[in-house]
């Protein structure tokens, strides 16, 4: 029986166990296998970055004031001097007179005789 065990060792001092870290700087990626003592500075930076990100997000949520309802203010009471009177209503004017065809013909005849 053959058993193969694969372990990741630190690139700096060959200590086992180690974790793989990938760091990208200006588009260039560096991969390193580091043991706990050598990875401590990187872990500390990651921890500080997370805390800073959480603190940056938390105050924004706390600074928003709660919603408040402000009822509209009623208009000032009108006095007799400032009160506007409503526009007068237009009442129906004179209605047209109902005329029969005979009366219209008679009016035409009368107007033509008056012109002659």
PDB file of N, CA and C in Angstrom:
ATOM      1  N   UNK A   1       0.831  -1.147   0.000  1.00  0.00           N
ATOM      2  CA  UNK A   1       0.000   0.000   0.000  1.00  0.00           C
ATOM      3  C   UNK A   1       0.893   1.233   0.000  1.00  0.00           C
ATOM      4  N   UNK A   2       0.465   2.182  -0.780  1.00  0.00           N
ATOM      5  CA  UNK A   2       1.246   3.401  -0.912  1.00  0.00           C
ATOM      6  C   UNK A   2       0.365   4.576  -0.510  1.00  0.00           C
ATOM      7  N   UNK A   3       0.829   5.375   0.433  1.00  0.00           N
ATOM      8  CA  UNK A   3       0.093   6.552   0.867  1.00  0.00           C
ATOM      9  C   UNK A   3       0.946   7.772   0.564  1.00  0.00           C
ATOM     10  N   UNK A   4       0.312   8.715  -0.085  1.00  0.00           N
ATOM     11  CA  UNK A   4       1.023   9.945  -0.411  1.00  0.00           C
ATOM     12  C   UNK A   4       0.401  11.056   0.430  1.00  0.00           C
ATOM     13  N   UNK A   5       1.233  11.750   1.171  1.00  0.00           N
ATOM     14  CA  UNK A   5       0.789  12.865   1.996  1.00  0.00           C
ATOM     15  C   UNK A   5       1.409  14.123   1.421  1.00  0.00           C
ATOM     16  N   UNK A   6       0.563  15.106   1.204  1.00  0.00           N
ATOM     17  CA  UNK A   6       1.062  16.358   0.650  1.00  0.00           C
ATOM     18  C   UNK A   6       0.860  17.435   1.703  1.00  0.00           C
ATOM     19  N   UNK A   7       1.886  18.180   1.992  1.00  0.00           N
ATOM     20  CA  UNK A   7       1.809  19.252   2.986  1.00  0.00           C
ATOM     21  C   UNK A   7       2.424  20.505   2.396  1.00  0.00           C
ATOM     22  N   UNK A   8       1.851  21.651   2.783  1.00  0.00           N
ATOM     23  CA  UNK A   8       2.378  22.932   2.318  1.00  0.00           C
ATOM     24  C   UNK A   8       3.308  23.466   3.384  1.00  0.00           C
ATOM     25  N   UNK A   9       4.538  23.791   2.960  1.00  0.00           N
ATOM     26  CA  UNK A   9       5.535  24.309   3.890  1.00  0.00           C
ATOM     27  C   UNK A   9       5.778  25.785   3.618  1.00  0.00           C
ATOM     28  N   UNK A  10       6.213  26.501   4.636  1.00  0.00           N
ATOM     29  CA  UNK A  10       6.522  27.927   4.516  1.00  0.00           C
ATOM     30  C   UNK A  10       7.661  28.128   3.531  1.00  0.00           C
ATOM     31  N   UNK A  11       7.511  29.090   2.655  1.00  0.00           N
ATOM     32  CA  UNK A  11       8.557  29.383   1.672  1.00  0.00           C
ATOM     33  C   UNK A  11       9.817  29.940   2.335  1.00  0.00           C
ATOM     34  N   UNK A  12       9.696  30.547   3.509  1.00  0.00           N
ATOM     35  CA  UNK A  12      10.841  31.202   4.144  1.00  0.00           C
ATOM     36  C   UNK A  12      11.641  30.267   5.041  1.00  0.00           C
ATOM     37  N   UNK A  13      10.954  29.475   5.889  1.00  0.00           N
ATOM     38  CA  UNK A  13      11.712  28.622   6.819  1.00  0.00           C
ATOM     39  C   UNK A  13      11.312  27.154   6.750  1.00  0.00           C
ATOM     40  N   UNK A  14      10.522  26.773   5.782  1.00  0.00           N
ATOM     41  CA  UNK A  14      10.104  25.390   5.524  1.00  0.00           C
ATOM     42  C   UNK A  14       9.318  24.772   6.677  1.00  0.00           C
ATOM     43  N   UNK A  15       8.663  25.580   7.509  1.00  0.00           N
ATOM     44  CA  UNK A  15       7.838  25.092   8.603  1.00  0.00           C
ATOM     45  C   UNK A  15       6.505  24.588   8.056  1.00  0.00           C
ATOM     46  N   UNK A  16       5.968  23.570   8.720  1.00  0.00           N
ATOM     47  CA  UNK A  16       4.680  23.002   8.335  1.00  0.00           C
ATOM     48  C   UNK A  16       3.756  23.170   9.542  1.00  0.00           C
ATOM     49  N   UNK A  17       2.532  23.510   9.455  1.00  0.00           N
ATOM     50  CA  UNK A  17       1.708  23.812   8.285  1.00  0.00           C
ATOM     51  C   UNK A  17       1.883  25.259   7.838  1.00  0.00           C
ATOM     52  N   UNK A  18       1.472  25.506   6.624  1.00  0.00           N
ATOM     53  CA  UNK A  18       1.540  26.853   6.046  1.00  0.00           C
ATOM     54  C   UNK A  18       0.286  27.086   5.216  1.00  0.00           C
ATOM     55  N   UNK A  19      -0.054  28.339   5.062  1.00  0.00           N
ATOM     56  CA  UNK A  19      -1.197  28.729   4.234  1.00  0.00           C
ATOM     57  C   UNK A  19      -0.689  29.490   3.019  1.00  0.00           C
ATOM     58  N   UNK A  20      -1.438  29.422   1.936  1.00  0.00           N
ATOM     59  CA  UNK A  20      -1.059  30.114   0.707  1.00  0.00           C
ATOM     60  C   UNK A  20      -1.725  31.478   0.680  1.00  0.00           C
ATOM     61  N   UNK A  21      -0.922  32.508   0.434  1.00  0.00           N
ATOM     62  CA  UNK A  21      -1.410  33.891   0.330  1.00  0.00           C
ATOM     63  C   UNK A  21      -1.100  34.396  -1.066  1.00  0.00           C
ATOM     64  N   UNK A  22      -2.044  35.091  -1.671  1.00  0.00           N
ATOM     65  CA  UNK A  22      -1.851  35.720  -2.978  1.00  0.00           C
ATOM     66  C   UNK A  22      -2.010  37.222  -2.774  1.00  0.00           C
ATOM     67  N   UNK A  23      -0.988  37.978  -3.097  1.00  0.00           N
ATOM     68  CA  UNK A  23      -1.001  39.426  -2.932  1.00  0.00           C
ATOM     69  C   UNK A  23      -0.833  40.042  -4.312  1.00  0.00           C
ATOM     70  N   UNK A  24      -1.742  40.977  -4.667  1.00  0.00           N
ATOM     71  CA  UNK A  24      -1.661  41.639  -5.961  1.00  0.00           C
ATOM     72  C   UNK A  24      -1.278  43.091  -5.747  1.00  0.00           C
ATOM     73  N   UNK A  25      -0.201  43.513  -6.390  1.00  0.00           N
ATOM     74  CA  UNK A  25       0.277  44.886  -6.296  1.00  0.00           C
ATOM     75  C   UNK A  25       0.480  45.399  -7.714  1.00  0.00           C
ATOM     76  N   UNK A  26      -0.239  46.479  -8.039  1.00  0.00           N
ATOM     77  CA  UNK A  26      -0.144  47.093  -9.371  1.00  0.00           C
ATOM     78  C   UNK A  26      -0.334  46.069 -10.479  1.00  0.00           C
ATOM     79  N   UNK A  27      -1.306  45.164 -10.287  1.00  0.00           N
ATOM     80  CA  UNK A  27      -1.616  44.179 -11.313  1.00  0.00           C
ATOM     81  C   UNK A  27      -0.697  42.972 -11.311  1.00  0.00           C
ATOM     82  N   UNK A  28       0.326  42.947 -10.484  1.00  0.00           N
ATOM     83  CA  UNK A  28       1.260  41.824 -10.419  1.00  0.00           C
ATOM     84  C   UNK A  28       0.920  40.994  -9.184  1.00  0.00           C
ATOM     85  N   UNK A  29       0.653  39.693  -9.368  1.00  0.00           N
ATOM     86  CA  UNK A  29       0.249  38.818  -8.273  1.00  0.00           C
ATOM     87  C   UNK A  29       1.441  38.007  -7.778  1.00  0.00           C
ATOM     88  N   UNK A  30       1.577  37.962  -6.454  1.00  0.00           N
ATOM     89  CA  UNK A  30       2.638  37.190  -5.808  1.00  0.00           C
ATOM     90  C   UNK A  30       1.966  36.147  -4.920  1.00  0.00           C
ATOM     91  N   UNK A  31       2.320  34.861  -5.114  1.00  0.00           N
ATOM     92  CA  UNK A  31       1.783  33.804  -4.273  1.00  0.00           C
ATOM     93  C   UNK A  31       2.873  33.322  -3.347  1.00  0.00           C
ATOM     94  N   UNK A  32       2.510  33.195  -2.045  1.00  0.00           N
ATOM     95  CA  UNK A  32       3.485  32.762  -1.043  1.00  0.00           C
ATOM     96  C   UNK A  32       2.828  31.763  -0.113  1.00  0.00           C
ATOM     97  N   UNK A  33       3.599  30.775   0.309  1.00  0.00           N
ATOM     98  CA  UNK A  33       3.174  29.845   1.350  1.00  0.00           C
ATOM     99  C   UNK A  33       3.874  30.294   2.624  1.00  0.00           C
ATOM    100  N   UNK A  34       3.066  30.664   3.645  1.00  0.00           N
ATOM    101  CA  UNK A  34       3.640  31.213   4.869  1.00  0.00           C
ATOM    102  C   UNK A  34       3.109  30.488   6.097  1.00  0.00           C
ATOM    103  N   UNK A  35       4.004  30.276   7.091  1.00  0.00           N
ATOM    104  CA  UNK A  35       3.595  29.723   8.368  1.00  0.00           C
ATOM    105  C   UNK A  35       2.971  30.842   9.202  1.00  0.00           C
ATOM    106  N   UNK A  36       2.386  30.527  10.346  1.00  0.00           N
ATOM    107  CA  UNK A  36       1.693  31.521  11.176  1.00  0.00           C
ATOM    108  C   UNK A  36       2.572  32.704  11.564  1.00  0.00           C
ATOM    109  N   UNK A  37       3.826  32.498  12.046  1.00  0.00           N
ATOM    110  CA  UNK A  37       4.630  33.666  12.433  1.00  0.00           C
ATOM    111  C   UNK A  37       4.943  34.597  11.258  1.00  0.00           C
ATOM    112  N   UNK A  38       5.217  34.036  10.083  1.00  0.00           N
ATOM    113  CA  UNK A  38       5.532  34.872   8.929  1.00  0.00           C
ATOM    114  C   UNK A  38       4.276  35.513   8.329  1.00  0.00           C
ATOM    115  N   UNK A  39       3.113  34.886   8.522  1.00  0.00           N
ATOM    116  CA  UNK A  39       1.871  35.411   7.958  1.00  0.00           C
ATOM    117  C   UNK A  39       1.210  36.432   8.875  1.00  0.00           C
ATOM    118  N   UNK A  40       1.694  36.576  10.106  1.00  0.00           N
ATOM    119  CA  UNK A  40       1.082  37.464  11.083  1.00  0.00           C
ATOM    120  C   UNK A  40       0.947  38.911  10.569  1.00  0.00           C
ATOM    121  N   UNK A  41       1.973  39.512   9.965  1.00  0.00           N
ATOM    122  CA  UNK A  41       1.795  40.885   9.459  1.00  0.00           C
ATOM    123  C   UNK A  41       0.684  40.985   8.408  1.00  0.00           C
ATOM    124  N   UNK A  42       0.570  39.987   7.557  1.00  0.00           N
ATOM    125  CA  UNK A  42      -0.484  40.011   6.530  1.00  0.00           C
ATOM    126  C   UNK A  42      -1.849  39.850   7.194  1.00  0.00           C
ATOM    127  N   UNK A  43      -1.956  38.928   8.154  1.00  0.00           N
ATOM    128  CA  UNK A  43      -3.221  38.726   8.869  1.00  0.00           C
ATOM    129  C   UNK A  43      -3.632  40.000   9.610  1.00  0.00           C
ATOM    130  N   UNK A  44      -2.653  40.704  10.218  1.00  0.00           N
ATOM    131  CA  UNK A  44      -2.957  41.957  10.921  1.00  0.00           C
ATOM    132  C   UNK A  44      -3.481  43.020   9.956  1.00  0.00           C
ATOM    133  N   UNK A  45      -2.874  43.119   8.777  1.00  0.00           N
ATOM    134  CA  UNK A  45      -3.347  44.081   7.770  1.00  0.00           C
ATOM    135  C   UNK A  45      -4.771  43.751   7.310  1.00  0.00           C
ATOM    136  N   UNK A  46      -5.043  42.470   7.118  1.00  0.00           N
ATOM    137  CA  UNK A  46      -6.385  42.059   6.693  1.00  0.00           C
ATOM    138  C   UNK A  46      -7.406  42.417   7.778  1.00  0.00           C
ATOM    139  N   UNK A  47      -7.036  42.169   9.043  1.00  0.00           N
ATOM    140  CA  UNK A  47      -7.932  42.479  10.160  1.00  0.00           C
ATOM    141  C   UNK A  47      -8.209  43.977  10.239  1.00  0.00           C
ATOM    142  N   UNK A  48      -7.173  44.815  10.097  1.00  0.00           N
ATOM    143  CA  UNK A  48      -7.348  46.274  10.140  1.00  0.00           C
ATOM    144  C   UNK A  48      -8.217  46.760   8.976  1.00  0.00           C
ATOM    145  N   UNK A  49      -8.008  46.184   7.817  1.00  0.00           N
ATOM    146  CA  UNK A  49      -8.806  46.592   6.646  1.00  0.00           C
ATOM    147  C   UNK A  49     -10.280  46.254   6.857  1.00  0.00           C
ATOM    148  N   UNK A  50     -10.580  45.083   7.411  1.00  0.00           N
ATOM    149  CA  UNK A  50     -11.974  44.710   7.678  1.00  0.00           C
ATOM    150  C   UNK A  50     -12.603  45.655   8.694  1.00  0.00           C
ATOM    151  N   UNK A  51     -11.860  45.976   9.761  1.00  0.00           N
ATOM    152  CA  UNK A  51     -12.386  46.883  10.781  1.00  0.00           C
ATOM    153  C   UNK A  51     -12.655  48.263  10.206  1.00  0.00           C
ATOM    154  N   UNK A  52     -11.729  48.763   9.380  1.00  0.00           N
ATOM    155  CA  UNK A  52     -11.909  50.083   8.771  1.00  0.00           C
ATOM    156  C   UNK A  52     -13.126  50.089   7.850  1.00  0.00           C
ATOM    157  N   UNK A  53     -13.322  49.010   7.102  1.00  0.00           N
ATOM    158  CA  UNK A  53     -14.469  48.917   6.189  1.00  0.00           C
ATOM    159  C   UNK A  53     -15.773  48.894   6.986  1.00  0.00           C
ATOM    160  N   UNK A  54     -15.806  48.141   8.088  1.00  0.00           N
ATOM    161  CA  UNK A  54     -17.015  48.081   8.922  1.00  0.00           C
ATOM    162  C   UNK A  54     -17.305  49.428   9.575  1.00  0.00           C
ATOM    163  N   UNK A  55     -16.263  50.126  10.025  1.00  0.00           N
ATOM    164  CA  UNK A  55     -16.459  51.429  10.657  1.00  0.00           C
ATOM    165  C   UNK A  55     -16.924  52.465   9.642  1.00  0.00           C
ATOM    166  N   UNK A  56     -16.447  52.358   8.421  1.00  0.00           N
ATOM    167  CA  UNK A  56     -16.851  53.311   7.377  1.00  0.00           C
ATOM    168  C   UNK A  56     -18.317  53.118   7.016  1.00  0.00           C
ATOM    169  N   UNK A  57     -18.800  51.888   7.053  1.00  0.00           N
ATOM    170  CA  UNK A  57     -20.188  51.616   6.704  1.00  0.00           C
ATOM    171  C   UNK A  57     -21.123  51.893   7.866  1.00  0.00           C
ATOM    172  N   UNK A  58     -20.699  51.628   9.089  1.00  0.00           N
ATOM    173  CA  UNK A  58     -21.571  51.770  10.250  1.00  0.00           C
ATOM    174  C   UNK A  58     -21.999  53.223  10.514  1.00  0.00           C
ATOM    175  N   UNK A  59     -21.104  54.233  10.500  1.00  0.00           N
ATOM    176  CA  UNK A  59     -21.567  55.594  10.782  1.00  0.00           C
ATOM    177  C   UNK A  59     -22.557  56.111   9.748  1.00  0.00           C
ATOM    178  N   UNK A  60     -22.431  55.678   8.516  1.00  0.00           N
ATOM    179  CA  UNK A  60     -23.358  56.156   7.488  1.00  0.00           C
ATOM    180  C   UNK A  60     -24.785  55.753   7.838  1.00  0.00           C
ATOM    181  N   UNK A  61     -24.955  54.560   8.374  1.00  0.00           N
ATOM    182  CA  UNK A  61     -26.290  54.105   8.739  1.00  0.00           C
ATOM    183  C   UNK A  61     -26.791  54.828   9.986  1.00  0.00           C
ATOM    184  N   UNK A  62     -25.887  55.191  10.904  1.00  0.00           N
ATOM    185  CA  UNK A  62     -26.291  55.826  12.143  1.00  0.00           C
ATOM    186  C   UNK A  62     -26.601  57.312  11.960  1.00  0.00           C
ATOM    187  N   UNK A  63     -26.012  57.965  10.971  1.00  0.00           N
ATOM    188  CA  UNK A  63     -26.200  59.399  10.815  1.00  0.00           C
ATOM    189  C   UNK A  63     -27.521  59.762  10.138  1.00  0.00           C
ATOM    190  N   UNK A  64     -28.229  58.789   9.583  1.00  0.00           N
ATOM    191  CA  UNK A  64     -29.495  59.079   8.921  1.00  0.00           C
ATOM    192  C   UNK A  64     -30.548  59.337   9.995  1.00  0.00           C
ATOM    193  N   UNK A  65     -31.166  60.516  10.001  1.00  0.00           N
ATOM    194  CA  UNK A  65     -32.169  60.808  11.026  1.00  0.00           C
ATOM    195  C   UNK A  65     -33.428  59.984  10.775  1.00  0.00           C
ATOM    196  N   UNK A  66     -34.171  59.694  11.826  1.00  0.00           N
ATOM    197  CA  UNK A  66     -35.410  58.943  11.624  1.00  0.00           C
ATOM    198  C   UNK A  66     -36.416  59.798  10.868  1.00  0.00           C
ATOM    199  N   UNK A  67     -37.294  59.122  10.158  1.00  0.00           N
ATOM    200  CA  UNK A  67     -38.312  59.848   9.393  1.00  0.00           C
ATOM    201  C   UNK A  67     -39.294  60.498  10.350  1.00  0.00           C
ATOM    202  N   UNK A  68     -39.661  61.711  10.084  1.00  0.00           N
ATOM    203  CA  UNK A  68     -40.594  62.435  10.922  1.00  0.00           C
ATOM    204  C   UNK A  68     -41.744  62.945  10.066  1.00  0.00           C
ATOM    205  N   UNK A  69     -42.913  62.986  10.681  1.00  0.00           N
ATOM    206  CA  UNK A  69     -44.086  63.510   9.978  1.00  0.00           C
ATOM    207  C   UNK A  69     -44.334  64.929  10.459  1.00  0.00           C
ATOM    208  N   UNK A  70     -44.277  65.858   9.556  1.00  0.00           N
ATOM    209  CA  UNK A  70     -44.581  67.257   9.863  1.00  0.00           C
ATOM    210  C   UNK A  70     -45.884  67.608   9.166  1.00  0.00           C
ATOM    211  N   UNK A  71     -46.982  67.747   9.937  1.00  0.00           N
ATOM    212  CA  UNK A  71     -48.256  68.064   9.286  1.00  0.00           C
ATOM    213  C   UNK A  71     -48.204  69.447   8.666  1.00  0.00           C
ATOM    214  N   UNK A  72     -48.934  69.655   7.575  1.00  0.00           N
ATOM    215  CA  UNK A  72     -48.924  70.972   6.943  1.00  0.00           C
ATOM    216  C   UNK A  72     -49.572  72.009   7.853  1.00  0.00           C
ATOM    217  N   UNK A  73     -49.062  73.211   7.784  1.00  0.00           N
ATOM    218  CA  UNK A  73     -49.623  74.282   8.613  1.00  0.00           C
ATOM    219  C   UNK A  73     -50.903  74.789   7.963  1.00  0.00           C
ATOM    220  N   UNK A  74     -51.938  75.051   8.757  1.00  0.00           N
ATOM    221  CA  UNK A  74     -53.188  75.529   8.164  1.00  0.00           C
ATOM    222  C   UNK A  74     -53.016  76.962   7.662  1.00  0.00           C
ATOM    223  N   UNK A  75     -53.780  77.355   6.661  1.00  0.00           N
ATOM    224  CA  UNK A  75     -53.670  78.725   6.147  1.00  0.00           C
ATOM    225  C   UNK A  75     -54.167  79.708   7.209  1.00  0.00           C
ATOM    226  N   UNK A  76     -53.665  80.937   7.191  1.00  0.00           N
ATOM    227  CA  UNK A  76     -54.117  81.918   8.178  1.00  0.00           C
ATOM    228  C   UNK A  76     -55.589  82.255   7.948  1.00  0.00           C
ATOM    229  N   UNK A  77     -56.312  82.578   9.021  1.00  0.00           N
ATOM    230  CA  UNK A  77     -57.741  82.898   8.847  1.00  0.00           C
ATOM    231  C   UNK A  77     -57.911  84.170   8.021  1.00  0.00           C
ATOM    232  N   UNK A  78     -58.955  84.197   7.236  1.00  0.00           N
ATOM    233  CA  UNK A  78     -59.207  85.353   6.373  1.00  0.00           C
ATOM    234  C   UNK A  78     -60.051  86.384   7.122  1.00  0.00           C
ATOM    235  N   UNK A  79     -59.682  87.605   6.960  1.00  0.00           N
ATOM    236  CA  UNK A  79     -60.509  88.673   7.528  1.00  0.00           C
ATOM    237  C   UNK A  79     -61.404  89.208   6.418  1.00  0.00           C
ATOM    238  N   UNK A  80     -62.317  90.061   6.761  1.00  0.00           N
ATOM    239  CA  UNK A  80     -63.246  90.610   5.762  1.00  0.00           C
ATOM    240  C   UNK A  80     -62.497  91.405   4.696  1.00  0.00           C
ATOM    241  N   UNK A  81     -61.389  92.052   5.088  1.00  0.00           N
ATOM    242  CA  UNK A  81     -60.646  92.869   4.130  1.00  0.00           C
ATOM    243  C   UNK A  81     -59.859  92.009   3.147  1.00  0.00           C
ATOM    244  N   UNK A  82     -59.347  90.871   3.625  1.00  0.00           N
ATOM    245  CA  UNK A  82     -58.508  90.045   2.746  1.00  0.00           C
ATOM    246  C   UNK A  82     -59.275  88.931   2.059  1.00  0.00           C
ATOM    247  N   UNK A  83     -60.520  88.703   2.465  1.00  0.00           N
ATOM    248  CA  UNK A  83     -61.296  87.616   1.870  1.00  0.00           C
ATOM    249  C   UNK A  83     -61.606  87.958   0.417  1.00  0.00           C
ATOM    250  N   UNK A  84     -61.444  86.986  -0.428  1.00  0.00           N
ATOM    251  CA  UNK A  84     -61.766  87.192  -1.836  1.00  0.00           C
ATOM    252  C   UNK A  84     -63.199  86.751  -2.060  1.00  0.00           C
ATOM    253  N   UNK A  85     -63.891  87.544  -2.770  1.00  0.00           N
ATOM    254  CA  UNK A  85     -65.269  87.190  -3.070  1.00  0.00           C
ATOM    255  C   UNK A  85     -65.272  86.285  -4.290  1.00  0.00           C
ATOM    256  N   UNK A  86     -66.164  85.340  -4.301  1.00  0.00           N
ATOM    257  CA  UNK A  86     -66.223  84.468  -5.476  1.00  0.00           C
ATOM    258  C   UNK A  86     -66.689  85.260  -6.691  1.00  0.00           C
ATOM    259  N   UNK A  87     -66.256  84.828  -7.838  1.00  0.00           N
ATOM    260  CA  UNK A  87     -66.652  85.504  -9.070  1.00  0.00           C
ATOM    261  C   UNK A  87     -68.163  85.380  -9.247  1.00  0.00           C
ATOM    262  N   UNK A  88     -68.809  86.442  -9.733  1.00  0.00           N
ATOM    263  CA  UNK A  88     -70.265  86.378  -9.899  1.00  0.00           C
ATOM    264  C   UNK A  88     -70.627  85.329 -10.944  1.00  0.00           C
ATOM    265  N   UNK A  89     -71.714  84.633 -10.667  1.00  0.00           N
ATOM    266  CA  UNK A  89     -72.155  83.603 -11.600  1.00  0.00           C
ATOM    267  C   UNK A  89     -72.820  84.240 -12.797  1.00  0.00           C
ATOM    268  N   UNK A  90     -72.544  83.691 -13.949  1.00  0.00           N
ATOM    269  CA  UNK A  90     -73.218  84.184 -15.146  1.00  0.00           C
ATOM    270  C   UNK A  90     -74.597  83.556 -15.186  1.00  0.00           C
ATOM    271  N   UNK A  91     -75.550  84.385 -15.313  1.00  0.00           N
ATOM    272  CA  UNK A  91     -76.918  83.877 -15.400  1.00  0.00           C
ATOM    273  C   UNK A  91     -77.275  83.734 -16.865  1.00  0.00           C
ATOM    274  N   UNK A  92     -78.202  82.896 -17.086  1.00  0.00           N
ATOM    275  CA  UNK A  92     -78.624  82.680 -18.464  1.00  0.00           C
ATOM    276  C   UNK A  92     -79.109  83.964 -19.101  1.00  0.00           C
ATOM    277  N   UNK A  93     -78.651  84.258 -20.279  1.00  0.00           N
ATOM    278  CA  UNK A  93     -79.055  85.470 -20.983  1.00  0.00           C
ATOM    279  C   UNK A  93     -80.438  85.291 -21.606  1.00  0.00           C
ATOM    280  N   UNK A  94     -80.773  86.179 -22.521  1.00  0.00           N
ATOM    281  CA  UNK A  94     -82.070  86.103 -23.197  1.00  0.00           C
ATOM    282  C   UNK A  94     -82.083  84.875 -24.085  1.00  0.00           C
ATOM    283  N   UNK A  95     -83.147  84.161 -24.030  1.00  0.00           N
ATOM    284  CA  UNK A  95     -83.237  82.969 -24.867  1.00  0.00           C
ATOM    285  C   UNK A  95     -83.707  83.365 -26.261  1.00  0.00           C
ATOM    286  N   UNK A  96     -83.257  82.631 -27.243  1.00  0.00           N
ATOM    287  CA  UNK A  96     -83.726  82.977 -28.598  1.00  0.00           C
ATOM    288  C   UNK A  96     -85.241  82.718 -28.733  1.00  0.00           C
ATOM    289  N   UNK A  97     -85.854  83.557 -29.508  1.00  0.00           N
ATOM    290  CA  UNK A  97     -87.292  83.442 -29.718  1.00  0.00           C
ATOM    291  C   UNK A  97     -87.538  82.337 -30.733  1.00  0.00           C
ATOM    292  N   UNK A  98     -88.503  81.514 -30.477  1.00  0.00           N
ATOM    293  CA  UNK A  98     -88.838  80.433 -31.401  1.00  0.00           C
ATOM    294  C   UNK A  98     -89.736  81.009 -32.485  1.00  0.00           C
ATOM    295  N   UNK A  99     -89.298  80.804 -33.734  1.00  0.00           N
ATOM    296  CA  UNK A  99     -89.981  81.406 -34.873  1.00  0.00           C
ATOM    297  C   UNK A  99     -90.320  80.310 -35.874  1.00  0.00           C
ATOM    298  N   UNK A 100     -91.479  80.386 -36.471  1.00  0.00           N
ATOM    299  CA  UNK A 100     -91.864  79.392 -37.477  1.00  0.00           C
ATOM    300  C   UNK A 100     -91.336  79.823 -38.848  1.00  0.00           C
ATOM    301  N   UNK A 101     -91.415  78.907 -39.803  1.00  0.00           N
ATOM    302  CA  UNK A 101     -90.932  79.203 -41.145  1.00  0.00           C
ATOM    303  C   UNK A 101     -91.740  80.323 -41.808  1.00  0.00           C
ATOM    304  N   UNK A 102     -93.013  80.385 -41.537  1.00  0.00           N
ATOM    305  CA  UNK A 102     -93.837  81.422 -42.129  1.00  0.00           C
ATOM    306  C   UNK A 102     -93.395  82.799 -41.628  1.00  0.00           C
ATOM    307  N   UNK A 103     -93.087  82.882 -40.336  1.00  0.00           N
ATOM    308  CA  UNK A 103     -92.649  84.162 -39.776  1.00  0.00           C
ATOM    309  C   UNK A 103     -91.301  84.577 -40.370  1.00  0.00           C
ATOM    310  N   UNK A 104     -90.385  83.591 -40.587  1.00  0.00           N
ATOM    311  CA  UNK A 104     -89.081  83.899 -41.186  1.00  0.00           C
ATOM    312  C   UNK A 104     -89.281  84.429 -42.601  1.00  0.00           C
ATOM    313  N   UNK A 105     -90.164  83.791 -43.376  1.00  0.00           N
ATOM    314  CA  UNK A 105     -90.430  84.229 -44.755  1.00  0.00           C
ATOM    315  C   UNK A 105     -91.035  85.623 -44.759  1.00  0.00           C
ATOM    316  N   UNK A 106     -91.905  85.889 -43.802  1.00  0.00           N
ATOM    317  CA  UNK A 106     -92.538  87.206 -43.725  1.00  0.00           C
ATOM    318  C   UNK A 106     -91.490  88.270 -43.403  1.00  0.00           C
ATOM    319  N   UNK A 107     -90.545  87.965 -42.506  1.00  0.00           N
ATOM    320  CA  UNK A 107     -89.477  88.920 -42.164  1.00  0.00           C
ATOM    321  C   UNK A 107     -88.587  89.184 -43.376  1.00  0.00           C
ATOM    322  N   UNK A 108     -88.322  88.134 -44.171  1.00  0.00           N
ATOM    323  CA  UNK A 108     -87.512  88.320 -45.378  1.00  0.00           C
ATOM    324  C   UNK A 108     -88.221  89.255 -46.365  1.00  0.00           C
ATOM    325  N   UNK A 109     -89.519  89.026 -46.555  1.00  0.00           N
ATOM    326  CA  UNK A 109     -90.284  89.863 -47.477  1.00  0.00           C
ATOM    327  C   UNK A 109     -90.286  91.311 -47.012  1.00  0.00           C
ATOM    328  N   UNK A 110     -90.450  91.519 -45.698  1.00  0.00           N
ATOM    329  CA  UNK A 110     -90.495  92.864 -45.142  1.00  0.00           C
ATOM    330  C   UNK A 110     -89.150  93.552 -45.321  1.00  0.00           C
ATOM    331  N   UNK A 111     -88.046  92.820 -45.114  1.00  0.00           N
ATOM    332  CA  UNK A 111     -86.721  93.443 -45.250  1.00  0.00           C
ATOM    333  C   UNK A 111     -86.397  93.738 -46.716  1.00  0.00           C
ATOM    334  N   UNK A 112     -86.905  92.920 -47.647  1.00  0.00           N
ATOM    335  CA  UNK A 112     -86.642  93.189 -49.070  1.00  0.00           C
ATOM    336  C   UNK A 112     -87.463  94.364 -49.567  1.00  0.00           C
ATOM    337  N   UNK A 113     -88.657  94.535 -49.058  1.00  0.00           N
ATOM    338  CA  UNK A 113     -89.472  95.663 -49.473  1.00  0.00           C
ATOM    339  C   UNK A 113     -88.917  96.969 -48.888  1.00  0.00           C
ATOM    340  N   UNK A 114     -88.327  96.860 -47.726  1.00  0.00           N
ATOM    341  CA  UNK A 114     -87.753  98.063 -47.116  1.00  0.00           C
ATOM    342  C   UNK A 114     -86.504  98.522 -47.837  1.00  0.00           C
ATOM    343  N   UNK A 115     -85.805  97.615 -48.512  1.00  0.00           N
ATOM    344  CA  UNK A 115     -84.578  97.969 -49.238  1.00  0.00           C
ATOM    345  C   UNK A 115     -84.925  98.607 -50.580  1.00  0.00           C
ATOM    346  N   UNK A 116     -86.060  98.268 -51.171  1.00  0.00           N
ATOM    347  CA  UNK A 116     -86.413  98.771 -52.493  1.00  0.00           C
ATOM    348  C   UNK A 116     -86.822 100.178 -52.487  1.00  0.00           C
TER     349      UNK A 116
END
